[in-house]
C-alpha atoms as a PDB file:
ATOM      1  CA  MET A   1     -17.777 -23.876  17.594  1.00  0.00           C
ATOM      2  CA  GLU A   2     -14.305 -23.182  16.101  1.00  0.00           C
ATOM      3  CA  HIS A   3     -16.439 -20.078  14.024  1.00  0.00           C
ATOM      4  CA  GLY A   4     -17.257 -18.427  17.110  1.00  0.00           C
ATOM      5  CA  ALA A   5     -13.707 -18.530  18.564  1.00  0.00           C
ATOM      6  CA  ALA A   6     -12.583 -17.015  14.913  1.00  0.00           C
ATOM      7  CA  ARG A   7     -15.243 -14.347  15.601  1.00  0.00           C
ATOM      8  CA  THR A   8     -14.027 -13.394  19.290  1.00  0.00           C
ATOM      9  CA  ALA A   9     -10.403 -13.837  17.840  1.00  0.00           C
ATOM     10  CA  GLN A  10      -7.780 -10.676  18.620  1.00  0.00           C
ATOM     11  CA  PRO A  11      -7.787  -8.274  16.209  1.00  0.00           C
ATOM     12  CA  VAL A  12      -4.818  -8.616  14.100  1.00  0.00           C
ATOM     13  CA  ILE A  13      -2.701  -6.477  11.908  1.00  0.00           C
ATOM     14  CA  VAL A  14      -1.159  -7.587   8.919  1.00  0.00           C
ATOM     15  CA  ALA A  15       1.247  -5.358   7.147  1.00  0.00           C
ATOM     16  CA  ILE A  16       2.122  -5.981   3.459  1.00  0.00           C
ATOM     17  CA  ASP A  17       4.840  -4.783   1.776  1.00  0.00           C
ATOM     18  CA  GLY A  18       6.697  -4.718  -1.622  1.00  0.00           C
ATOM     19  CA  PRO A  19       7.425  -3.281  -5.037  1.00  0.00           C
ATOM     20  CA  SER A  20       4.543  -1.843  -7.625  1.00  0.00           C
ATOM     21  CA  GLY A  21       3.435  -5.104  -9.890  1.00  0.00           C
ATOM     22  CA  THR A  22       3.378  -7.973  -7.034  1.00  0.00           C
ATOM     23  CA  GLY A  23       0.051  -8.230  -6.800  1.00  0.00           C
ATOM     24  CA  LYS A  24      -0.178  -6.395  -3.483  1.00  0.00           C
ATOM     25  CA  SER A  25      -3.700  -5.127  -3.827  1.00  0.00           C
ATOM     26  CA  SER A  26      -5.074  -7.764  -4.970  1.00  0.00           C
ATOM     27  CA  THR A  27      -3.762  -9.734  -2.761  1.00  0.00           C
ATOM     28  CA  SER A  28      -4.617  -7.371   0.532  1.00  0.00           C
ATOM     29  CA  LYS A  29      -7.893  -6.829  -0.829  1.00  0.00           C
ATOM     30  CA  ALA A  30      -8.552 -10.520  -1.138  1.00  0.00           C
ATOM     31  CA  VAL A  31      -7.054 -11.526   2.456  1.00  0.00           C
ATOM     32  CA  ALA A  32      -9.207  -8.673   4.164  1.00  0.00           C
ATOM     33  CA  ALA A  33     -12.438  -9.564   2.598  1.00  0.00           C
ATOM     34  CA  GLN A  34     -12.006 -13.417   3.251  1.00  0.00           C
ATOM     35  CA  LEU A  35     -10.989 -13.100   6.922  1.00  0.00           C
ATOM     36  CA  GLY A  36     -13.608 -10.162   7.639  1.00  0.00           C
ATOM     37  CA  LEU A  37     -10.548  -7.642   8.155  1.00  0.00           C
ATOM     38  CA  SER A  38     -10.448  -3.502   6.949  1.00  0.00           C
ATOM     39  CA  TYR A  39      -8.101  -2.740   4.062  1.00  0.00           C
ATOM     40  CA  LEU A  40      -5.928  -0.046   3.866  1.00  0.00           C
ATOM     41  CA  ASP A  41      -4.039   1.045   0.369  1.00  0.00           C
ATOM     42  CA  THR A  42      -1.518   3.610   1.478  1.00  0.00           C
ATOM     43  CA  GLY A  43      -0.287   3.734  -2.138  1.00  0.00           C
ATOM     44  CA  ALA A  44      -3.706   5.306  -2.969  1.00  0.00           C
ATOM     45  CA  GLN A  45      -3.161   7.760   0.388  1.00  0.00           C
ATOM     46  CA  TYR A  46       0.500   9.380  -1.096  1.00  0.00           C
ATOM     47  CA  ARG A  47      -1.285   9.339  -5.062  1.00  0.00           C
ATOM     48  CA  ALA A  48      -3.927  11.282  -3.168  1.00  0.00           C
ATOM     49  CA  ILE A  49      -1.541  14.301  -1.738  1.00  0.00           C
ATOM     50  CA  THR A  50       0.507  13.865  -4.742  1.00  0.00           C
ATOM     51  CA  TRP A  51      -2.870  14.267  -6.835  1.00  0.00           C
ATOM     52  CA  TRP A  52      -4.260  17.566  -4.164  1.00  0.00           C
ATOM     53  CA  MET A  53      -0.404  19.110  -4.986  1.00  0.00           C
ATOM     54  CA  VAL A  54      -0.587  18.633  -8.833  1.00  0.00           C
ATOM     55  CA  THR A  55      -3.900  20.245  -8.755  1.00  0.00           C
ATOM     56  CA  ASN A  56      -3.311  22.935  -6.522  1.00  0.00           C
ATOM     57  CA  GLY A  57      -0.416  24.093  -8.777  1.00  0.00           C
ATOM     58  CA  ILE A  58       2.169  23.314  -5.948  1.00  0.00           C
ATOM     59  CA  ASP A  59       6.137  22.922  -7.896  1.00  0.00           C
ATOM     60  CA  ILE A  60       6.604  19.093  -7.248  1.00  0.00           C
ATOM     61  CA  GLU A  61      10.202  19.968  -7.728  1.00  0.00           C
ATOM     62  CA  ASP A  62      10.230  21.961  -4.516  1.00  0.00           C
ATOM     63  CA  PRO A  63      10.122  19.617  -1.404  1.00  0.00           C
ATOM     64  CA  THR A  64      10.290  23.198   0.689  1.00  0.00           C
ATOM     65  CA  ALA A  65       7.009  24.309  -0.931  1.00  0.00           C
ATOM     66  CA  ILE A  66       5.611  20.554  -0.520  1.00  0.00           C
ATOM     67  CA  ALA A  67       6.544  20.288   2.906  1.00  0.00           C
ATOM     68  CA  ALA A  68       4.933  23.655   3.469  1.00  0.00           C
ATOM     69  CA  VAL A  69       1.643  22.366   2.534  1.00  0.00           C
ATOM     70  CA  ALA A  70       1.821  19.020   3.527  1.00  0.00           C
ATOM     71  CA  ALA A  71      -1.076  18.818   6.303  1.00  0.00           C
ATOM     72  CA  LYS A  72      -3.851  21.056   4.291  1.00  0.00           C
ATOM     73  CA  PRO A  73      -5.596  18.255   1.939  1.00  0.00           C
ATOM     74  CA  GLU A  74      -7.984  16.293   4.453  1.00  0.00           C
ATOM     75  CA  ILE A  75      -7.571  12.532   2.633  1.00  0.00           C
ATOM     76  CA  VAL A  76     -10.199  10.000   3.985  1.00  0.00           C
ATOM     77  CA  SER A  77      -9.714   6.592   3.228  1.00  0.00           C
ATOM     78  CA  GLY A  78     -12.837   3.775   3.499  1.00  0.00           C
ATOM     79  CA  THR A  79     -11.163   0.740   4.620  1.00  0.00           C
ATOM     80  CA  ASP A  80     -13.642  -1.818   2.935  1.00  0.00           C
ATOM     81  CA  PRO A  81     -11.981  -4.351   1.259  1.00  0.00           C
ATOM     82  CA  ALA A  82     -15.380  -5.001  -1.049  1.00  0.00           C
ATOM     83  CA  HIS A  83     -15.514  -1.136  -1.516  1.00  0.00           C
ATOM     84  CA  PRO A  84     -12.214   1.021  -0.712  1.00  0.00           C
ATOM     85  CA  THR A  85     -12.614   4.589  -1.071  1.00  0.00           C
ATOM     86  CA  ILE A  86     -10.407   7.664  -1.067  1.00  0.00           C
ATOM     87  CA  THR A  87     -11.980  11.429  -1.223  1.00  0.00           C
ATOM     88  CA  VAL A  88      -9.522  14.493  -0.758  1.00  0.00           C
ATOM     89  CA  ASP A  89     -11.432  17.959   0.945  1.00  0.00           C
ATOM     90  CA  GLY A  90     -14.658  15.916   0.131  1.00  0.00           C
ATOM     91  CA  THR A  91     -14.007  14.869  -3.474  1.00  0.00           C
ATOM     92  CA  ASP A  92     -13.810  11.174  -4.234  1.00  0.00           C
ATOM     93  CA  VAL A  93     -10.518  10.904  -5.809  1.00  0.00           C
ATOM     94  CA  SER A  94     -10.054   7.012  -6.121  1.00  0.00           C
ATOM     95  CA  GLY A  95     -10.022   7.547 -10.590  1.00  0.00           C
ATOM     96  CA  PRO A  96      -7.870  11.025 -10.847  1.00  0.00           C
ATOM     97  CA  ILE A  97      -5.361   9.530  -8.515  1.00  0.00           C
ATOM     98  CA  ARG A  98      -4.247   6.630 -11.239  1.00  0.00           C
ATOM     99  CA  THR A  99      -3.405   8.566 -13.855  1.00  0.00           C
ATOM    100  CA  GLN A 100      -0.241   8.677 -15.398  1.00  0.00           C
ATOM    101  CA  GLU A 101       0.389  12.097 -14.040  1.00  0.00           C
ATOM    102  CA  VAL A 102       0.268  11.268 -10.642  1.00  0.00           C
ATOM    103  CA  THR A 103       2.171   8.182 -10.823  1.00  0.00           C
ATOM    104  CA  SER A 104       4.854   9.562 -12.510  1.00  0.00           C
ATOM    105  CA  GLN A 105       5.142  12.699  -9.527  1.00  0.00           C
ATOM    106  CA  VAL A 106       4.623  10.464  -6.629  1.00  0.00           C
ATOM    107  CA  SER A 107       7.816   9.031  -5.979  1.00  0.00           C
ATOM    108  CA  ALA A 108       9.163  12.765  -5.689  1.00  0.00           C
ATOM    109  CA  VAL A 109       6.018  13.740  -3.095  1.00  0.00           C
ATOM    110  CA  SER A 110       6.072  10.605  -1.156  1.00  0.00           C
ATOM    111  CA  ALA A 111       9.248  11.556  -0.716  1.00  0.00           C
ATOM    112  CA  VAL A 112       9.113  14.285   1.437  1.00  0.00           C
ATOM    113  CA  PRO A 113       9.679  13.774   5.163  1.00  0.00           C
ATOM    114  CA  GLU A 114       6.543  16.245   5.839  1.00  0.00           C
ATOM    115  CA  VAL A 115       4.307  14.600   3.746  1.00  0.00           C
ATOM    116  CA  ARG A 116       5.386  10.577   5.375  1.00  0.00           C
ATOM    117  CA  THR A 117       4.648  12.506   8.805  1.00  0.00           C
ATOM    118  CA  VAL A 118       1.154  13.467   7.566  1.00  0.00           C
ATOM    119  CA  ILE A 119       0.460  10.311   6.285  1.00  0.00           C
ATOM    120  CA  THR A 120       2.013   7.671   8.533  1.00  0.00           C
ATOM    121  CA  GLU A 121      -0.423   9.394  11.727  1.00  0.00           C
ATOM    122  CA  LEU A 122      -3.612   8.767   9.340  1.00  0.00           C
ATOM    123  CA  GLN A 123      -2.530   5.259   8.640  1.00  0.00           C
ATOM    124  CA  ARG A 124      -1.524   4.509  12.605  1.00  0.00           C
ATOM    125  CA  SER A 125      -5.224   6.051  13.365  1.00  0.00           C
ATOM    126  CA  LEU A 126      -6.774   3.683  10.786  1.00  0.00           C
ATOM    127  CA  ALA A 127      -5.020   0.943  11.973  1.00  0.00           C
ATOM    128  CA  ALA A 128      -5.640   1.484  15.800  1.00  0.00           C
ATOM    129  CA  ALA A 129      -9.575   2.042  14.786  1.00  0.00           C
ATOM    130  CA  ALA A 130      -9.468  -1.338  12.969  1.00  0.00           C
ATOM    131  CA  ALA A 131     -12.074  -3.385  15.724  1.00  0.00           C
ATOM    132  CA  THR A 132     -11.482  -6.600  13.526  1.00  0.00           C
ATOM    133  CA  GLY A 133      -7.642  -5.968  12.686  1.00  0.00           C
ATOM    134  CA  ILE A 134      -6.333  -4.419   9.099  1.00  0.00           C
ATOM    135  CA  VAL A 135      -4.559  -5.597   6.296  1.00  0.00           C
ATOM    136  CA  VAL A 136      -2.303  -2.641   5.454  1.00  0.00           C
ATOM    137  CA  GLU A 137      -0.402  -2.301   2.496  1.00  0.00           C
ATOM    138  CA  GLY A 138       2.632   0.005   1.213  1.00  0.00           C
ATOM    139  CA  ARG A 139       6.314   0.118   1.083  1.00  0.00           C
ATOM    140  CA  ASP A 140       7.107   1.230   4.642  1.00  0.00           C
ATOM    141  CA  ILE A 141       4.990  -0.546   6.806  1.00  0.00           C
ATOM    142  CA  GLY A 142       6.276  -3.421   7.946  1.00  0.00           C
ATOM    143  CA  THR A 143       9.853  -1.263   8.777  1.00  0.00           C
ATOM    144  CA  THR A 144       8.438   2.411   9.507  1.00  0.00           C
ATOM    145  CA  VAL A 145       4.517   2.473   9.654  1.00  0.00           C
ATOM    146  CA  LEU A 146       3.326  -0.617  11.777  1.00  0.00           C
ATOM    147  CA  PRO A 147       6.779  -2.076  13.116  1.00  0.00           C
ATOM    148  CA  ASP A 148       4.570  -3.986  15.576  1.00  0.00           C
ATOM    149  CA  ALA A 149       2.112  -5.156  13.482  1.00  0.00           C
ATOM    150  CA  ASP A 150       1.043  -8.933  13.728  1.00  0.00           C
ATOM    151  CA  LEU A 151       2.162 -10.678  10.686  1.00  0.00           C
ATOM    152  CA  LYS A 152       4.868  -8.777   7.980  1.00  0.00           C
ATOM    153  CA  ILE A 153       4.687  -9.929   4.511  1.00  0.00           C
ATOM    154  CA  PHE A 154       6.855  -9.064   1.729  1.00  0.00           C
ATOM    155  CA  LEU A 155       5.874  -9.759  -1.821  1.00  0.00           C
ATOM    156  CA  THR A 156       8.320  -9.986  -4.595  1.00  0.00           C
ATOM    157  CA  ALA A 157       8.151 -10.738  -7.924  1.00  0.00           C
ATOM    158  CA  SER A 158      10.877 -10.244 -11.040  1.00  0.00           C
ATOM    159  CA  PRO A 159      10.686  -7.155 -12.882  1.00  0.00           C
ATOM    160  CA  GLU A 160       9.656  -9.186 -15.498  1.00  0.00           C
ATOM    161  CA  ALA A 161       6.476 -10.696 -13.977  1.00  0.00           C
ATOM    162  CA  ARG A 162       5.728  -7.159 -12.375  1.00  0.00           C
ATOM    163  CA  ALA A 163       5.750  -5.575 -15.865  1.00  0.00           C
ATOM    164  CA  ALA A 164       3.443  -7.837 -17.897  1.00  0.00           C
ATOM    165  CA  ARG A 165       1.096  -7.898 -14.583  1.00  0.00           C
ATOM    166  CA  ARG A 166       1.130  -3.683 -14.458  1.00  0.00           C
ATOM    167  CA  SER A 167       1.051  -2.993 -18.644  1.00  0.00           C
ATOM    168  CA  GLY A 168      -2.200  -5.686 -18.372  1.00  0.00           C
ATOM    169  CA  GLU A 169      -3.881  -3.336 -15.903  1.00  0.00           C
ATOM    170  CA  LEU A 170      -2.706  -0.252 -17.888  1.00  0.00           C
ATOM    171  CA  LYS A 171      -4.357  -1.977 -20.903  1.00  0.00           C
ATOM    172  CA  SER A 172      -1.828  -2.997 -23.866  1.00  0.00           C
ATOM    173  CA  ALA A 173       1.056  -0.490 -22.317  1.00  0.00           C
ATOM    174  CA  ASP A 174       4.460  -1.331 -23.493  1.00  0.00           C
ATOM    175  CA  VAL A 175       5.547  -4.092 -21.184  1.00  0.00           C
ATOM    176  CA  HIS A 176       9.269  -3.052 -21.722  1.00  0.00           C
ATOM    177  CA  ALA A 177       8.676   0.846 -21.048  1.00  0.00           C
ATOM    178  CA  THR A 178       6.572  -0.615 -17.963  1.00  0.00           C
ATOM    179  CA  ARG A 179       9.221  -2.292 -16.548  1.00  0.00           C
ATOM    180  CA  ASP A 180      11.642   0.756 -16.828  1.00  0.00           C
ATOM    181  CA  ALA A 181       9.527   3.043 -15.009  1.00  0.00           C
ATOM    182  CA  LEU A 182       8.737   0.203 -12.277  1.00  0.00           C
ATOM    183  CA  ILE A 183      12.495  -0.218 -12.147  1.00  0.00           C
ATOM    184  CA  LYS A 184      13.027   3.586 -12.043  1.00  0.00           C
ATOM    185  CA  ARG A 185      10.577   3.831  -9.173  1.00  0.00           C
ATOM    186  CA  ASP A 186      11.646   0.859  -7.106  1.00  0.00           C
ATOM    187  CA  ALA A 187      15.367   2.787  -7.234  1.00  0.00           C
ATOM    188  CA  ALA A 188      13.855   6.216  -6.096  1.00  0.00           C
ATOM    189  CA  ASP A 189      11.281   4.294  -3.268  1.00  0.00           C
ATOM    190  CA  SER A 190      14.154   2.154  -2.079  1.00  0.00           C
ATOM    191  CA  SER A 191      16.996   5.232  -1.967  1.00  0.00           C
ATOM    192  CA  ARG A 192      14.907   7.868  -0.533  1.00  0.00           C
ATOM    193  CA  LYS A 193      16.420   9.052   3.079  1.00  0.00           C
ATOM    194  CA  THR A 194      12.727   8.908   5.068  1.00  0.00           C
ATOM    195  CA  SER A 195      11.276   5.340   4.890  1.00  0.00           C
ATOM    196  CA  PRO A 196      12.504   3.319   2.006  1.00  0.00           C
ATOM    197  CA  LEU A 197      10.794   0.720   0.425  1.00  0.00           C
ATOM    198  CA  ALA A 198      12.340  -2.109   2.462  1.00  0.00           C
ATOM    199  CA  LYS A 199      11.824  -5.657   3.654  1.00  0.00           C
ATOM    200  CA  ALA A 200      11.805  -5.503   7.317  1.00  0.00           C
ATOM    201  CA  ASP A 201      14.251  -8.174   9.511  1.00  0.00           C
ATOM    202  CA  ASP A 202      11.073 -10.273  10.474  1.00  0.00           C
ATOM    203  CA  ALA A 203       8.969 -10.468   7.538  1.00  0.00           C
ATOM    204  CA  VAL A 204       7.929 -13.528   5.639  1.00  0.00           C
ATOM    205  CA  GLU A 205       9.453 -12.971   1.887  1.00  0.00           C
ATOM    206  CA  VAL A 206       6.605 -14.547  -0.462  1.00  0.00           C
ATOM    207  CA  ASP A 207       7.539 -14.536  -4.381  1.00  0.00           C
ATOM    208  CA  THR A 208       4.539 -14.617  -6.648  1.00  0.00           C
ATOM    209  CA  THR A 209       6.776 -14.826 -10.114  1.00  0.00           C
ATOM    210  CA  ASP A 210       5.730 -18.006 -10.536  1.00  0.00           C
ATOM    211  CA  LEU A 211       2.303 -18.094  -8.547  1.00  0.00           C
ATOM    212  CA  THR A 212      -1.244 -17.403  -9.694  1.00  0.00           C
ATOM    213  CA  LEU A 213      -3.507 -14.527  -6.892  1.00  0.00           C
ATOM    214  CA  ALA A 214      -5.384 -17.446  -5.946  1.00  0.00           C
ATOM    215  CA  GLN A 215      -2.126 -19.495  -4.701  1.00  0.00           C
ATOM    216  CA  VAL A 216      -0.689 -16.181  -3.288  1.00  0.00           C
ATOM    217  CA  ILE A 217      -4.193 -15.255  -1.198  1.00  0.00           C
ATOM    218  CA  GLU A 218      -4.214 -18.531   0.020  1.00  0.00           C
ATOM    219  CA  CYS A 219      -0.515 -18.556   0.837  1.00  0.00           C
ATOM    220  CA  VAL A 220      -0.953 -14.701   2.613  1.00  0.00           C
ATOM    221  CA  VAL A 221      -4.728 -16.370   4.463  1.00  0.00           C
ATOM    222  CA  THR A 222      -2.598 -19.233   6.004  1.00  0.00           C
ATOM    223  CA  LEU A 223       0.027 -17.209   7.234  1.00  0.00           C
ATOM    224  CA  VAL A 224      -2.711 -14.642   8.817  1.00  0.00           C
ATOM    225  CA  GLU A 225      -4.823 -17.187  10.155  1.00  0.00           C
ATOM    226  CA  GLU A 226      -1.343 -19.510  11.996  1.00  0.00           C
ATOM    227  CA  LYS A 227      -0.927 -15.738  13.491  1.00  0.00           C
ATOM    228  CA  ARG A 228      -4.393 -15.371  14.416  1.00  0.00           C
ATOM    229  CA  ALA A 229      -4.238 -18.678  16.270  1.00  0.00           C
ATOM    230  CA  ALA A 230      -1.311 -18.468  18.481  1.00  0.00           C
ATOM    231  CA  LYS A 231      -2.166 -14.833  19.879  1.00  0.00           C
END
């Protein structure tokens, strides 16, 4: 009986924000898969538009040039947590958007208001179309993109823990350099005028520094299930 009730449960929209290296992507994907929800990596969308700008020779130092072409690329995000996809103008960019070249420029492109307007509209339409609900991860989801999300979670971790995780992902990258890059990017994203990286007032903060990924996932699944039961 309970299982049937879960099937017909109200769609639930979950916003998971936080800086990089806190386990956002791994947690969000696993929670979405476990609860039968769609999944959206909003960072990948900003990386995709950055990749398009770089590929098309747009001057990343010139916000006006970026703004002028912000609506040009067609970005399509697949929301299956088991196999999230992202294409730009029909090209699969899931690999190219993870390069250092894109990583180093994404904050500058993301700071341009016209870029955020385009991507935010895309994110809202994907969330609205998710029949069972969706887990949306990013940096301004609970504050700007989906301020009415059913549940908002803000993941944190010490810079050291985040750098260790991220350099593990980047295969033997220098932890100190990674830590410095993370702190620099957080500063850029937290201080930008349009939709800065920030914790929503009604978000639940989860410090992942001393937690395993399995523990973080379990914590978030519990929070979502409680929220869904209360709807």
